[in-house]
């Protein structure tokens, strides 16, 4: 039996459920809440960085930018 099968059986045996659609084994990186996570740690996803840069262009003051980011 493969190691991931053992993990899945244990999770299932403990009463947990998971979505096969969202489940990903053997991935080098995954995206979690706008961050790319991997063996090196985490970094912001390019989409998140682009969104922040666009907001920066639209905000006139630092306070306005903080208010926008705080509402996300």
C-alpha atoms as a PDB file:
ATOM      1  CA  UNK A   1       0.000   0.000   0.000  1.00  0.00           C
ATOM      2  CA  UNK A   2       1.300   3.448  -0.912  1.00  0.00           C
ATOM      3  CA  UNK A   3       1.993   5.983   1.834  1.00  0.00           C
ATOM      4  CA  UNK A   4      -0.735   8.357   0.628  1.00  0.00           C
ATOM      5  CA  UNK A   5      -3.282   5.513   0.753  1.00  0.00           C
ATOM      6  CA  UNK A   6      -2.398   4.937   4.406  1.00  0.00           C
ATOM      7  CA  UNK A   7      -2.912   8.638   5.126  1.00  0.00           C
ATOM      8  CA  UNK A   8      -6.287   8.651   3.361  1.00  0.00           C
ATOM      9  CA  UNK A   9      -7.450   5.541   5.223  1.00  0.00           C
ATOM     10  CA  UNK A  10      -6.428   7.031   8.553  1.00  0.00           C
ATOM     11  CA  UNK A  11      -8.203  10.322   7.795  1.00  0.00           C
ATOM     12  CA  UNK A  12     -11.320   8.440   6.774  1.00  0.00           C
ATOM     13  CA  UNK A  13     -11.100   6.137   9.817  1.00  0.00           C
ATOM     14  CA  UNK A  14     -10.951   9.149  12.125  1.00  0.00           C
ATOM     15  CA  UNK A  15     -14.237  10.415  10.684  1.00  0.00           C
ATOM     16  CA  UNK A  16     -12.849  13.266   8.608  1.00  0.00           C
ATOM     17  CA  UNK A  17     -14.128  13.956   5.117  1.00  0.00           C
ATOM     18  CA  UNK A  18     -12.413  15.618   2.196  1.00  0.00           C
ATOM     19  CA  UNK A  19     -13.200  16.649  -1.339  1.00  0.00           C
ATOM     20  CA  UNK A  20     -11.545  14.504  -3.996  1.00  0.00           C
ATOM     21  CA  UNK A  21     -11.925  17.478  -6.319  1.00  0.00           C
ATOM     22  CA  UNK A  22      -9.766  19.652  -4.049  1.00  0.00           C
ATOM     23  CA  UNK A  23      -7.361  16.935  -2.891  1.00  0.00           C
ATOM     24  CA  UNK A  24      -3.861  17.018  -4.393  1.00  0.00           C
ATOM     25  CA  UNK A  25      -1.022  14.671  -3.480  1.00  0.00           C
ATOM     26  CA  UNK A  26       2.522  14.874  -4.784  1.00  0.00           C
ATOM     27  CA  UNK A  27       2.334  18.567  -5.645  1.00  0.00           C
ATOM     28  CA  UNK A  28       5.512  20.601  -5.319  1.00  0.00           C
ATOM     29  CA  UNK A  29       3.517  23.787  -4.662  1.00  0.00           C
ATOM     30  CA  UNK A  30      -0.055  24.626  -3.703  1.00  0.00           C
ATOM     31  CA  UNK A  31      -1.939  27.915  -3.503  1.00  0.00           C
ATOM     32  CA  UNK A  32      -3.557  28.691  -0.153  1.00  0.00           C
ATOM     33  CA  UNK A  33      -5.414  31.973   0.365  1.00  0.00           C
ATOM     34  CA  UNK A  34      -3.361  33.866  -2.209  1.00  0.00           C
ATOM     35  CA  UNK A  35       0.008  32.402  -1.196  1.00  0.00           C
ATOM     36  CA  UNK A  36       2.135  29.818  -2.978  1.00  0.00           C
ATOM     37  CA  UNK A  37       3.371  27.267  -0.441  1.00  0.00           C
ATOM     38  CA  UNK A  38       6.195  24.821  -1.052  1.00  0.00           C
ATOM     39  CA  UNK A  39       9.272  23.248   0.529  1.00  0.00           C
ATOM     40  CA  UNK A  40      10.926  26.698   0.596  1.00  0.00           C
ATOM     41  CA  UNK A  41       8.121  28.262   2.649  1.00  0.00           C
ATOM     42  CA  UNK A  42       5.499  30.644   1.293  1.00  0.00           C
ATOM     43  CA  UNK A  43       5.361  33.633  -1.022  1.00  0.00           C
ATOM     44  CA  UNK A  44       2.504  35.729  -2.402  1.00  0.00           C
ATOM     45  CA  UNK A  45       0.915  34.459  -5.618  1.00  0.00           C
ATOM     46  CA  UNK A  46       1.410  36.553  -8.752  1.00  0.00           C
ATOM     47  CA  UNK A  47      -2.318  37.283  -8.855  1.00  0.00           C
ATOM     48  CA  UNK A  48      -2.196  38.707  -5.336  1.00  0.00           C
ATOM     49  CA  UNK A  49       0.860  40.833  -6.173  1.00  0.00           C
ATOM     50  CA  UNK A  50      -0.811  42.159  -9.336  1.00  0.00           C
ATOM     51  CA  UNK A  51      -3.998  43.011  -7.425  1.00  0.00           C
ATOM     52  CA  UNK A  52      -2.005  44.942  -4.814  1.00  0.00           C
ATOM     53  CA  UNK A  53      -0.084  46.827  -7.520  1.00  0.00           C
ATOM     54  CA  UNK A  54      -3.352  47.799  -9.218  1.00  0.00           C
ATOM     55  CA  UNK A  55      -4.780  48.987  -5.889  1.00  0.00           C
ATOM     56  CA  UNK A  56      -1.604  50.982  -5.261  1.00  0.00           C
ATOM     57  CA  UNK A  57      -2.192  52.887  -8.498  1.00  0.00           C
ATOM     58  CA  UNK A  58      -5.812  53.609  -7.535  1.00  0.00           C
ATOM     59  CA  UNK A  59      -5.170  54.704  -3.922  1.00  0.00           C
ATOM     60  CA  UNK A  60      -4.141  58.279  -3.352  1.00  0.00           C
ATOM     61  CA  UNK A  61      -2.888  57.936   0.229  1.00  0.00           C
ATOM     62  CA  UNK A  62      -1.292  55.198   2.308  1.00  0.00           C
ATOM     63  CA  UNK A  63      -4.260  55.298   4.700  1.00  0.00           C
ATOM     64  CA  UNK A  64      -6.665  54.671   1.817  1.00  0.00           C
ATOM     65  CA  UNK A  65      -4.538  51.685   0.737  1.00  0.00           C
ATOM     66  CA  UNK A  66      -4.555  50.216   4.219  1.00  0.00           C
ATOM     67  CA  UNK A  67      -8.340  50.568   4.383  1.00  0.00           C
ATOM     68  CA  UNK A  68      -8.734  48.721   1.059  1.00  0.00           C
ATOM     69  CA  UNK A  69      -6.386  45.910   2.126  1.00  0.00           C
ATOM     70  CA  UNK A  70      -8.097  45.615   5.487  1.00  0.00           C
ATOM     71  CA  UNK A  71     -11.456  45.023   3.805  1.00  0.00           C
ATOM     72  CA  UNK A  72     -10.202  42.087   1.735  1.00  0.00           C
END
